Amino acid sequence: MSSSSSLSSSANQVKASHILIKHQGSRRKASWKDPEGRIISNTTKESAVSQLKAFRDQIINGDAKFEDIASRYSDCSSAKRGGDLGPFGRGQMQKPFEEAAFALKVGELSDIVETDSGAHIIKRTA
């Protein structure tokens, strides 16, 4: 059996969007909406995760659109594009983020993913 017939996620690239909430433990405690890091420095990891859980519920229930929440609340500069990170391959993102993104089906939302940057929800778009 050749490896090309394997059904595992052998995609070399995915396209994804995300919502990032930074917190006290984040590598960089500043963002486009909090340039001095005042809010981020006072945000606990638990608080970041609970904000994201609430956002995720709103998106899944159809009460809010992923892109709208990303553009208003995400601490990543991708917020300006509704959270869109564009296409990326393996080895370009932090490991937990990459593994979560590659494991999703197109259109699917991840659970909370934690990286050195903060807490994320990822939506695979292609």
N, C-alpha and C. Protein backbone atom coordinates (compact mmCIF):
# COMPACT_ATOMS: atom_id res chain seq x y z
N MET A 1 0.85 -1.19 0.00
CA MET A 1 0.00 0.00 0.00
C MET A 1 0.89 1.25 0.00
N SER A 2 0.68 2.11 -0.93
CA SER A 2 1.52 3.32 -0.99
C SER A 2 1.04 4.34 0.03
N SER A 3 1.96 5.17 0.47
CA SER A 3 1.61 6.15 1.50
C SER A 3 0.62 7.19 0.98
N SER A 4 0.53 7.35 -0.34
CA SER A 4 -0.37 8.37 -0.87
C SER A 4 -1.83 8.00 -0.67
N SER A 5 -2.11 6.71 -0.45
CA SER A 5 -3.51 6.33 -0.25
C SER A 5 -3.92 6.42 1.22
N SER A 6 -3.02 6.88 2.07
CA SER A 6 -3.36 6.99 3.48
C SER A 6 -4.40 8.09 3.68
N LEU A 7 -5.32 7.85 4.59
CA LEU A 7 -6.40 8.81 4.81
C LEU A 7 -6.08 9.79 5.95
N SER A 8 -4.90 9.67 6.53
CA SER A 8 -4.56 10.56 7.64
C SER A 8 -4.46 11.99 7.08
N SER A 9 -4.43 12.97 7.98
CA SER A 9 -4.39 14.35 7.51
C SER A 9 -3.00 14.64 6.96
N SER A 10 -2.80 14.25 5.72
CA SER A 10 -1.48 14.40 5.10
C SER A 10 -1.40 15.71 4.33
N ALA A 11 -2.40 16.58 4.54
CA ALA A 11 -2.37 17.88 3.87
C ALA A 11 -1.08 18.60 4.24
N ASN A 12 -0.48 19.25 3.27
CA ASN A 12 0.75 19.99 3.55
C ASN A 12 0.45 21.39 4.04
N GLN A 13 -0.75 21.85 3.75
CA GLN A 13 -1.13 23.20 4.15
C GLN A 13 -2.58 23.22 4.57
N VAL A 14 -2.88 24.09 5.51
CA VAL A 14 -4.27 24.37 5.85
C VAL A 14 -4.43 25.89 5.81
N LYS A 15 -5.68 26.32 5.78
CA LYS A 15 -5.96 27.75 5.90
C LYS A 15 -6.87 27.87 7.12
N ALA A 16 -6.54 28.79 7.99
CA ALA A 16 -7.32 28.89 9.22
C ALA A 16 -7.42 30.33 9.68
N SER A 17 -8.44 30.55 10.52
CA SER A 17 -8.62 31.83 11.20
C SER A 17 -8.58 31.52 12.69
N HIS A 18 -8.30 32.52 13.49
CA HIS A 18 -8.34 32.27 14.94
C HIS A 18 -8.75 33.52 15.69
N ILE A 19 -9.13 33.27 16.94
CA ILE A 19 -9.38 34.34 17.90
C ILE A 19 -8.38 34.09 19.01
N LEU A 20 -7.56 35.09 19.30
CA LEU A 20 -6.54 34.97 20.34
C LEU A 20 -6.88 35.89 21.50
N ILE A 21 -6.87 35.35 22.70
CA ILE A 21 -6.96 36.19 23.89
C ILE A 21 -5.65 36.01 24.66
N LYS A 22 -4.92 37.10 24.79
CA LYS A 22 -3.65 37.05 25.53
C LYS A 22 -3.92 37.20 27.02
N HIS A 23 -2.95 36.75 27.82
CA HIS A 23 -3.09 36.83 29.28
C HIS A 23 -1.72 37.01 29.93
N GLN A 24 -1.71 37.03 31.25
CA GLN A 24 -0.48 37.28 32.01
C GLN A 24 0.67 36.36 31.61
N GLY A 25 0.34 35.13 31.20
CA GLY A 25 1.39 34.17 30.86
C GLY A 25 1.83 34.24 29.40
N SER A 26 1.25 35.16 28.63
CA SER A 26 1.59 35.25 27.20
C SER A 26 3.01 35.77 27.01
N ARG A 27 3.62 35.29 25.94
CA ARG A 27 5.00 35.67 25.61
C ARG A 27 5.12 37.18 25.43
N ARG A 28 4.21 37.76 24.65
CA ARG A 28 4.22 39.22 24.45
C ARG A 28 2.93 39.78 25.02
N LYS A 29 3.07 40.66 26.00
CA LYS A 29 1.88 41.19 26.68
C LYS A 29 1.43 42.51 26.07
N ALA A 30 1.31 42.54 24.75
CA ALA A 30 0.80 43.73 24.07
C ALA A 30 0.08 43.27 22.82
N SER A 31 -0.85 44.06 22.36
CA SER A 31 -1.54 43.74 21.11
C SER A 31 -2.01 45.03 20.47
N TRP A 32 -2.55 44.90 19.27
CA TRP A 32 -3.02 46.07 18.53
C TRP A 32 -4.06 46.85 19.33
N LYS A 33 -4.86 46.16 20.16
CA LYS A 33 -5.89 46.88 20.90
C LYS A 33 -5.49 47.21 22.33
N ASP A 34 -4.34 46.71 22.73
CA ASP A 34 -3.83 46.96 24.09
C ASP A 34 -2.32 47.15 24.00
N PRO A 35 -1.88 48.25 23.32
CA PRO A 35 -0.46 48.41 23.00
C PRO A 35 0.44 48.47 24.23
N GLU A 36 -0.11 48.93 25.35
CA GLU A 36 0.73 48.97 26.55
C GLU A 36 0.58 47.72 27.40
N GLY A 37 -0.31 46.83 26.99
CA GLY A 37 -0.46 45.57 27.70
C GLY A 37 -1.11 45.69 29.06
N ARG A 38 -1.86 46.76 29.28
CA ARG A 38 -2.47 46.95 30.61
C ARG A 38 -3.54 45.90 30.89
N ILE A 39 -4.41 45.67 29.90
CA ILE A 39 -5.49 44.69 30.08
C ILE A 39 -4.88 43.28 30.13
N ILE A 40 -3.99 43.02 29.19
CA ILE A 40 -3.39 41.68 29.09
C ILE A 40 -2.67 41.32 30.40
N SER A 41 -1.93 42.26 30.97
CA SER A 41 -1.19 41.98 32.20
C SER A 41 -2.11 41.67 33.37
N ASN A 42 -3.36 42.12 33.27
CA ASN A 42 -4.32 41.87 34.35
C ASN A 42 -5.30 40.74 34.02
N THR A 43 -5.09 40.08 32.90
CA THR A 43 -5.97 38.98 32.50
C THR A 43 -5.34 37.65 32.90
N THR A 44 -6.05 36.88 33.70
CA THR A 44 -5.53 35.56 34.06
C THR A 44 -5.78 34.59 32.91
N LYS A 45 -5.04 33.50 32.92
CA LYS A 45 -5.25 32.48 31.90
C LYS A 45 -6.69 31.95 31.98
N GLU A 46 -7.19 31.76 33.20
CA GLU A 46 -8.56 31.26 33.40
C GLU A 46 -9.58 32.20 32.79
N SER A 47 -9.34 33.49 32.96
CA SER A 47 -10.26 34.49 32.43
C SER A 47 -10.23 34.48 30.90
N ALA A 48 -9.03 34.35 30.32
CA ALA A 48 -8.90 34.29 28.86
C ALA A 48 -9.66 33.09 28.31
N VAL A 49 -9.48 31.94 28.98
CA VAL A 49 -10.15 30.71 28.53
C VAL A 49 -11.66 30.84 28.67
N SER A 50 -12.13 31.43 29.76
CA SER A 50 -13.59 31.53 29.92
C SER A 50 -14.19 32.50 28.91
N GLN A 51 -13.47 33.58 28.57
CA GLN A 51 -13.96 34.48 27.51
C GLN A 51 -14.11 33.71 26.20
N LEU A 52 -13.09 32.92 25.88
CA LEU A 52 -13.12 32.17 24.62
C LEU A 52 -14.24 31.13 24.62
N LYS A 53 -14.47 30.48 25.76
CA LYS A 53 -15.56 29.49 25.82
C LYS A 53 -16.89 30.16 25.52
N ALA A 54 -17.07 31.37 26.08
CA ALA A 54 -18.32 32.10 25.84
C ALA A 54 -18.44 32.47 24.36
N PHE A 55 -17.33 32.94 23.76
CA PHE A 55 -17.35 33.28 22.33
C PHE A 55 -17.68 32.05 21.50
N ARG A 56 -17.05 30.93 21.84
CA ARG A 56 -17.25 29.69 21.08
C ARG A 56 -18.72 29.27 21.13
N ASP A 57 -19.33 29.38 22.31
CA ASP A 57 -20.76 29.04 22.44
C ASP A 57 -21.61 29.95 21.56
N GLN A 58 -21.30 31.25 21.57
CA GLN A 58 -22.08 32.20 20.75
C GLN A 58 -21.96 31.86 19.27
N ILE A 59 -20.76 31.47 18.83
CA ILE A 59 -20.55 31.15 17.42
C ILE A 59 -21.30 29.87 17.07
N ILE A 60 -21.18 28.84 17.91
CA ILE A 60 -21.82 27.56 17.64
C ILE A 60 -23.34 27.69 17.66
N ASN A 61 -23.85 28.53 18.58
CA ASN A 61 -25.31 28.73 18.67
C ASN A 61 -25.84 29.65 17.58
N GLY A 62 -24.94 30.24 16.79
CA GLY A 62 -25.38 31.13 15.72
C GLY A 62 -25.72 32.53 16.21
N ASP A 63 -25.35 32.85 17.46
CA ASP A 63 -25.63 34.18 18.00
C ASP A 63 -24.61 35.21 17.53
N ALA A 64 -23.45 34.74 17.06
CA ALA A 64 -22.41 35.66 16.61
C ALA A 64 -21.61 34.99 15.51
N LYS A 65 -21.01 35.81 14.65
CA LYS A 65 -20.17 35.26 13.59
C LYS A 65 -18.72 35.27 14.05
N PHE A 66 -18.02 34.19 13.71
CA PHE A 66 -16.61 34.05 14.09
C PHE A 66 -15.82 35.31 13.72
N GLU A 67 -16.00 35.75 12.46
CA GLU A 67 -15.23 36.89 11.95
C GLU A 67 -15.51 38.17 12.73
N ASP A 68 -16.77 38.34 13.16
CA ASP A 68 -17.12 39.56 13.91
C ASP A 68 -16.45 39.56 15.28
N ILE A 69 -16.50 38.40 15.94
CA ILE A 69 -15.86 38.32 17.26
C ILE A 69 -14.35 38.49 17.11
N ALA A 70 -13.77 37.85 16.11
CA ALA A 70 -12.32 37.98 15.89
C ALA A 70 -11.95 39.44 15.68
N SER A 71 -12.72 40.14 14.84
CA SER A 71 -12.31 41.50 14.51
C SER A 71 -12.46 42.45 15.70
N ARG A 72 -13.35 42.11 16.64
CA ARG A 72 -13.52 42.98 17.81
C ARG A 72 -12.66 42.59 19.00
N TYR A 73 -12.44 41.30 19.20
CA TYR A 73 -11.85 40.86 20.47
C TYR A 73 -10.49 40.19 20.35
N SER A 74 -10.10 39.72 19.18
CA SER A 74 -8.85 38.98 19.09
C SER A 74 -7.66 39.90 19.34
N ASP A 75 -6.67 39.38 20.09
CA ASP A 75 -5.45 40.14 20.36
C ASP A 75 -4.42 39.97 19.25
N CYS A 76 -4.75 39.25 18.20
CA CYS A 76 -3.83 39.08 17.08
C CYS A 76 -4.14 40.14 16.02
N SER A 77 -3.10 40.59 15.32
CA SER A 77 -3.34 41.60 14.27
C SER A 77 -4.18 41.03 13.13
N SER A 78 -4.33 39.69 13.07
CA SER A 78 -5.22 39.09 12.07
C SER A 78 -6.67 39.50 12.30
N ALA A 79 -6.96 40.10 13.45
CA ALA A 79 -8.32 40.59 13.74
C ALA A 79 -8.82 41.49 12.62
N LYS A 80 -7.90 42.26 12.03
CA LYS A 80 -8.28 43.19 10.96
C LYS A 80 -8.81 42.44 9.74
N ARG A 81 -8.53 41.15 9.65
CA ARG A 81 -9.02 40.30 8.55
C ARG A 81 -10.02 39.27 9.08
N GLY A 82 -10.68 39.57 10.17
CA GLY A 82 -11.66 38.64 10.74
C GLY A 82 -11.00 37.40 11.30
N GLY A 83 -9.72 37.52 11.66
CA GLY A 83 -9.00 36.39 12.25
C GLY A 83 -8.25 35.54 11.24
N ASP A 84 -8.36 35.89 9.96
CA ASP A 84 -7.77 35.05 8.90
C ASP A 84 -6.24 35.07 8.95
N LEU A 85 -5.65 33.89 9.07
CA LEU A 85 -4.19 33.76 9.08
C LEU A 85 -3.66 33.38 7.71
N GLY A 86 -4.57 33.07 6.78
CA GLY A 86 -4.13 32.61 5.46
C GLY A 86 -3.62 31.18 5.56
N PRO A 87 -3.05 30.68 4.45
CA PRO A 87 -2.56 29.31 4.44
C PRO A 87 -1.22 29.19 5.15
N PHE A 88 -1.00 28.07 5.81
CA PHE A 88 0.31 27.81 6.42
C PHE A 88 0.58 26.31 6.43
N GLY A 89 1.84 26.00 6.43
CA GLY A 89 2.25 24.60 6.43
C GLY A 89 2.74 24.18 7.79
N ARG A 90 3.19 22.94 7.87
CA ARG A 90 3.73 22.44 9.14
C ARG A 90 5.03 23.15 9.46
N GLY A 91 5.26 23.39 10.74
CA GLY A 91 6.49 24.02 11.17
C GLY A 91 6.44 25.54 11.18
N GLN A 92 5.30 26.12 10.79
CA GLN A 92 5.21 27.58 10.74
C GLN A 92 4.54 28.18 11.98
N MET A 93 3.74 27.37 12.67
CA MET A 93 3.03 27.85 13.85
C MET A 93 3.56 27.09 15.07
N GLN A 94 3.19 27.58 16.26
CA GLN A 94 3.55 26.84 17.45
C GLN A 94 2.86 25.48 17.40
N LYS A 95 3.56 24.47 17.93
CA LYS A 95 3.12 23.08 17.79
C LYS A 95 1.66 22.83 18.18
N PRO A 96 1.20 23.27 19.36
CA PRO A 96 -0.20 22.98 19.72
C PRO A 96 -1.19 23.58 18.73
N PHE A 97 -0.86 24.77 18.20
CA PHE A 97 -1.72 25.45 17.25
C PHE A 97 -1.75 24.67 15.94
N GLU A 98 -0.56 24.29 15.46
CA GLU A 98 -0.47 23.53 14.22
C GLU A 98 -1.24 22.22 14.32
N GLU A 99 -1.04 21.49 15.40
CA GLU A 99 -1.70 20.19 15.55
C GLU A 99 -3.21 20.35 15.55
N ALA A 100 -3.70 21.36 16.25
CA ALA A 100 -5.15 21.58 16.30
C ALA A 100 -5.70 21.96 14.93
N ALA A 101 -5.00 22.86 14.23
CA ALA A 101 -5.48 23.33 12.92
C ALA A 101 -5.52 22.18 11.91
N PHE A 102 -4.46 21.36 11.89
CA PHE A 102 -4.41 20.27 10.92
C PHE A 102 -5.42 19.17 11.25
N ALA A 103 -5.83 19.08 12.52
CA ALA A 103 -6.78 18.03 12.92
C ALA A 103 -8.22 18.39 12.60
N LEU A 104 -8.49 19.68 12.36
CA LEU A 104 -9.87 20.12 12.10
C LEU A 104 -10.30 19.79 10.68
N LYS A 105 -11.59 19.60 10.51
CA LYS A 105 -12.17 19.54 9.17
C LYS A 105 -12.47 20.97 8.75
N VAL A 106 -12.57 21.21 7.45
CA VAL A 106 -12.88 22.55 6.96
C VAL A 106 -14.23 22.99 7.55
N GLY A 107 -14.25 24.21 8.09
CA GLY A 107 -15.47 24.74 8.68
C GLY A 107 -15.62 24.44 10.16
N GLU A 108 -14.75 23.58 10.68
CA GLU A 108 -14.86 23.15 12.07
C GLU A 108 -14.13 24.12 13.00
N LEU A 109 -14.64 24.24 14.24
CA LEU A 109 -14.01 25.06 15.27
C LEU A 109 -13.26 24.17 16.25
N SER A 110 -12.12 24.64 16.70
CA SER A 110 -11.36 23.88 17.69
C SER A 110 -11.93 24.14 19.08
N ASP A 111 -11.51 23.33 20.03
CA ASP A 111 -11.69 23.67 21.43
C ASP A 111 -10.67 24.75 21.74
N ILE A 112 -10.54 25.11 23.00
CA ILE A 112 -9.54 26.10 23.40
C ILE A 112 -8.14 25.49 23.21
N VAL A 113 -7.28 26.22 22.53
CA VAL A 113 -5.91 25.77 22.31
C VAL A 113 -4.99 26.77 23.00
N GLU A 114 -4.08 26.25 23.82
CA GLU A 114 -3.16 27.15 24.53
C GLU A 114 -1.77 27.07 23.94
N THR A 115 -1.19 28.25 23.68
CA THR A 115 0.20 28.33 23.19
C THR A 115 0.92 29.39 24.02
N ASP A 116 2.19 29.62 23.69
CA ASP A 116 2.95 30.67 24.37
C ASP A 116 2.36 32.05 24.10
N SER A 117 1.59 32.17 23.02
CA SER A 117 0.99 33.47 22.68
C SER A 117 -0.24 33.78 23.53
N GLY A 118 -0.95 32.74 23.96
CA GLY A 118 -2.18 32.94 24.72
C GLY A 118 -3.15 31.79 24.44
N ALA A 119 -4.44 32.07 24.57
CA ALA A 119 -5.46 31.06 24.34
C ALA A 119 -6.18 31.39 23.03
N HIS A 120 -6.47 30.35 22.25
CA HIS A 120 -7.04 30.53 20.91
C HIS A 120 -8.27 29.65 20.71
N ILE A 121 -9.13 30.08 19.79
CA ILE A 121 -10.08 29.19 19.12
C ILE A 121 -9.68 29.27 17.65
N ILE A 122 -9.60 28.12 17.02
CA ILE A 122 -9.17 28.07 15.62
C ILE A 122 -10.34 27.59 14.76
N LYS A 123 -10.51 28.20 13.61
CA LYS A 123 -11.50 27.75 12.63
C LYS A 123 -10.75 27.43 11.35
N ARG A 124 -10.85 26.18 10.91
CA ARG A 124 -10.19 25.82 9.66
C ARG A 124 -11.08 26.27 8.51
N THR A 125 -10.49 26.97 7.54
CA THR A 125 -11.30 27.52 6.45
C THR A 125 -10.99 26.87 5.11
N ALA A 126 -9.89 26.13 5.01
CA ALA A 126 -9.58 25.41 3.76
C ALA A 126 -8.52 24.36 4.05
